C-alpha atoms as a PDB file:
ATOM      1  CA  UNK A   1       0.000   0.000   0.000  1.00  0.00           C
ATOM      2  CA  UNK A   2       2.799   2.461   0.865  1.00  0.00           C
ATOM      3  CA  UNK A   3       4.364   2.074  -2.571  1.00  0.00           C
ATOM      4  CA  UNK A   4       1.144   3.337  -4.196  1.00  0.00           C
ATOM      5  CA  UNK A   5       0.880   6.433  -2.004  1.00  0.00           C
ATOM      6  CA  UNK A   6       3.318   8.574  -4.088  1.00  0.00           C
ATOM      7  CA  UNK A   7       1.456   7.643  -7.279  1.00  0.00           C
ATOM      8  CA  UNK A   8      -1.879   8.532  -5.678  1.00  0.00           C
ATOM      9  CA  UNK A   9      -0.490  11.837  -4.392  1.00  0.00           C
ATOM     10  CA  UNK A  10       0.875  12.707  -7.836  1.00  0.00           C
ATOM     11  CA  UNK A  11      -2.481  11.905  -9.416  1.00  0.00           C
ATOM     12  CA  UNK A  12      -4.336  14.114  -6.976  1.00  0.00           C
ATOM     13  CA  UNK A  13      -1.865  16.944  -7.505  1.00  0.00           C
ATOM     14  CA  UNK A  14      -2.258  16.727 -11.285  1.00  0.00           C
ATOM     15  CA  UNK A  15      -6.041  16.844 -10.945  1.00  0.00           C
ATOM     16  CA  UNK A  16      -5.771  20.091  -8.963  1.00  0.00           C
ATOM     17  CA  UNK A  17      -3.493  21.943 -11.356  1.00  0.00           C
ATOM     18  CA  UNK A  18      -4.510  25.519 -12.140  1.00  0.00           C
ATOM     19  CA  UNK A  19      -4.329  26.717 -15.731  1.00  0.00           C
ATOM     20  CA  UNK A  20      -3.999  30.521 -16.012  1.00  0.00           C
ATOM     21  CA  UNK A  21      -6.127  30.504 -19.184  1.00  0.00           C
ATOM     22  CA  UNK A  22      -9.118  29.557 -17.010  1.00  0.00           C
ATOM     23  CA  UNK A  23      -8.853  32.942 -15.240  1.00  0.00           C
ATOM     24  CA  UNK A  24      -7.931  35.316 -18.089  1.00  0.00           C
ATOM     25  CA  UNK A  25      -9.952  38.473 -18.553  1.00  0.00           C
ATOM     26  CA  UNK A  26     -10.326  40.727 -21.551  1.00  0.00           C
ATOM     27  CA  UNK A  27      -6.992  42.500 -22.192  1.00  0.00           C
ATOM     28  CA  UNK A  28      -6.584  45.931 -20.576  1.00  0.00           C
ATOM     29  CA  UNK A  29      -4.593  48.794 -22.106  1.00  0.00           C
ATOM     30  CA  UNK A  30      -2.582  51.023 -19.769  1.00  0.00           C
ATOM     31  CA  UNK A  31      -1.361  54.347 -21.158  1.00  0.00           C
ATOM     32  CA  UNK A  32       2.265  55.143 -20.233  1.00  0.00           C
ATOM     33  CA  UNK A  33       4.707  57.906 -21.204  1.00  0.00           C
ATOM     34  CA  UNK A  34       6.354  55.428 -23.604  1.00  0.00           C
ATOM     35  CA  UNK A  35       3.063  54.386 -25.175  1.00  0.00           C
ATOM     36  CA  UNK A  36       0.266  51.895 -24.545  1.00  0.00           C
ATOM     37  CA  UNK A  37       0.934  48.619 -22.742  1.00  0.00           C
ATOM     38  CA  UNK A  38      -1.616  45.858 -23.235  1.00  0.00           C
ATOM     39  CA  UNK A  39      -2.010  43.681 -20.159  1.00  0.00           C
ATOM     40  CA  UNK A  40      -3.450  40.241 -19.643  1.00  0.00           C
ATOM     41  CA  UNK A  41      -4.990  40.458 -16.185  1.00  0.00           C
ATOM     42  CA  UNK A  42      -6.526  37.692 -14.155  1.00  0.00           C
ATOM     43  CA  UNK A  43      -8.876  37.745 -11.189  1.00  0.00           C
ATOM     44  CA  UNK A  44      -8.055  39.988  -8.224  1.00  0.00           C
ATOM     45  CA  UNK A  45      -6.813  37.057  -6.151  1.00  0.00           C
ATOM     46  CA  UNK A  46      -4.340  36.005  -8.875  1.00  0.00           C
ATOM     47  CA  UNK A  47      -2.516  39.261  -9.609  1.00  0.00           C
ATOM     48  CA  UNK A  48       0.873  37.513  -9.578  1.00  0.00           C
ATOM     49  CA  UNK A  49      -0.013  36.098 -13.014  1.00  0.00           C
ATOM     50  CA  UNK A  50      -0.700  39.545 -14.553  1.00  0.00           C
ATOM     51  CA  UNK A  51       1.623  40.198 -17.506  1.00  0.00           C
ATOM     52  CA  UNK A  52       2.057  42.269 -20.634  1.00  0.00           C
ATOM     53  CA  UNK A  53       1.013  40.915 -24.008  1.00  0.00           C
ATOM     54  CA  UNK A  54       1.986  43.989 -26.043  1.00  0.00           C
ATOM     55  CA  UNK A  55       4.303  46.922 -25.331  1.00  0.00           C
ATOM     56  CA  UNK A  56       6.085  49.798 -27.067  1.00  0.00           C
ATOM     57  CA  UNK A  57       9.251  48.783 -28.896  1.00  0.00           C
ATOM     58  CA  UNK A  58      11.397  50.952 -26.619  1.00  0.00           C
ATOM     59  CA  UNK A  59      10.162  49.238 -23.423  1.00  0.00           C
ATOM     60  CA  UNK A  60      11.575  46.034 -21.948  1.00  0.00           C
ATOM     61  CA  UNK A  61       9.363  43.053 -21.244  1.00  0.00           C
ATOM     62  CA  UNK A  62      10.239  43.330 -17.537  1.00  0.00           C
ATOM     63  CA  UNK A  63       9.143  46.982 -17.421  1.00  0.00           C
ATOM     64  CA  UNK A  64       5.889  46.232 -19.258  1.00  0.00           C
ATOM     65  CA  UNK A  65       5.175  43.257 -16.977  1.00  0.00           C
ATOM     66  CA  UNK A  66       5.743  45.480 -13.926  1.00  0.00           C
ATOM     67  CA  UNK A  67       3.228  48.009 -15.284  1.00  0.00           C
ATOM     68  CA  UNK A  68       0.691  45.208 -15.687  1.00  0.00           C
ATOM     69  CA  UNK A  69       1.391  43.834 -12.230  1.00  0.00           C
ATOM     70  CA  UNK A  70       0.889  47.343 -10.824  1.00  0.00           C
ATOM     71  CA  UNK A  71      -2.401  47.676 -12.715  1.00  0.00           C
ATOM     72  CA  UNK A  72      -3.591  44.367 -11.300  1.00  0.00           C
ATOM     73  CA  UNK A  73      -2.611  45.512  -7.798  1.00  0.00           C
ATOM     74  CA  UNK A  74      -4.411  48.826  -8.381  1.00  0.00           C
ATOM     75  CA  UNK A  75      -7.608  47.042  -9.394  1.00  0.00           C
ATOM     76  CA  UNK A  76      -7.270  44.671  -6.442  1.00  0.00           C
ATOM     77  CA  UNK A  77      -6.917  47.584  -4.007  1.00  0.00           C
ATOM     78  CA  UNK A  78      -9.883  49.345  -5.621  1.00  0.00           C
ATOM     79  CA  UNK A  79     -11.973  46.203  -5.227  1.00  0.00           C
ATOM     80  CA  UNK A  80     -12.801  45.950  -8.907  1.00  0.00           C
ATOM     81  CA  UNK A  81     -12.355  42.882 -11.069  1.00  0.00           C
ATOM     82  CA  UNK A  82     -10.992  43.226 -14.602  1.00  0.00           C
ATOM     83  CA  UNK A  83     -13.649  43.056 -17.302  1.00  0.00           C
ATOM     84  CA  UNK A  84     -14.893  39.524 -17.816  1.00  0.00           C
ATOM     85  CA  UNK A  85     -13.354  38.203 -14.607  1.00  0.00           C
ATOM     86  CA  UNK A  86     -15.120  36.170 -11.999  1.00  0.00           C
ATOM     87  CA  UNK A  87     -13.547  35.170  -8.741  1.00  0.00           C
ATOM     88  CA  UNK A  88     -12.531  31.488  -8.795  1.00  0.00           C
ATOM     89  CA  UNK A  89     -13.448  29.092  -6.043  1.00  0.00           C
ATOM     90  CA  UNK A  90     -10.001  27.883  -5.025  1.00  0.00           C
ATOM     91  CA  UNK A  91     -11.206  25.972  -1.978  1.00  0.00           C
ATOM     92  CA  UNK A  92     -10.611  22.253  -2.124  1.00  0.00           C
END
């Protein structure tokens, strides 16, 4: 029985995997001094996944991602969900 426990645990873990695509919202455009940054935001509770999907040519990916993360944090603090988002039930 003990030799099957790791296999069972792995199976349960795989069944609980979270796919970010399940929580995507409509893209949001943030205006910056360098130009518009298009962000893929997720629900308020998953702001760590927020990232840029389009940015000005003179902006690094890291800078654009930080702008999107900040926008997600701003919306979280304001208590608003991005358009099309619904809060997931992450309880198991």
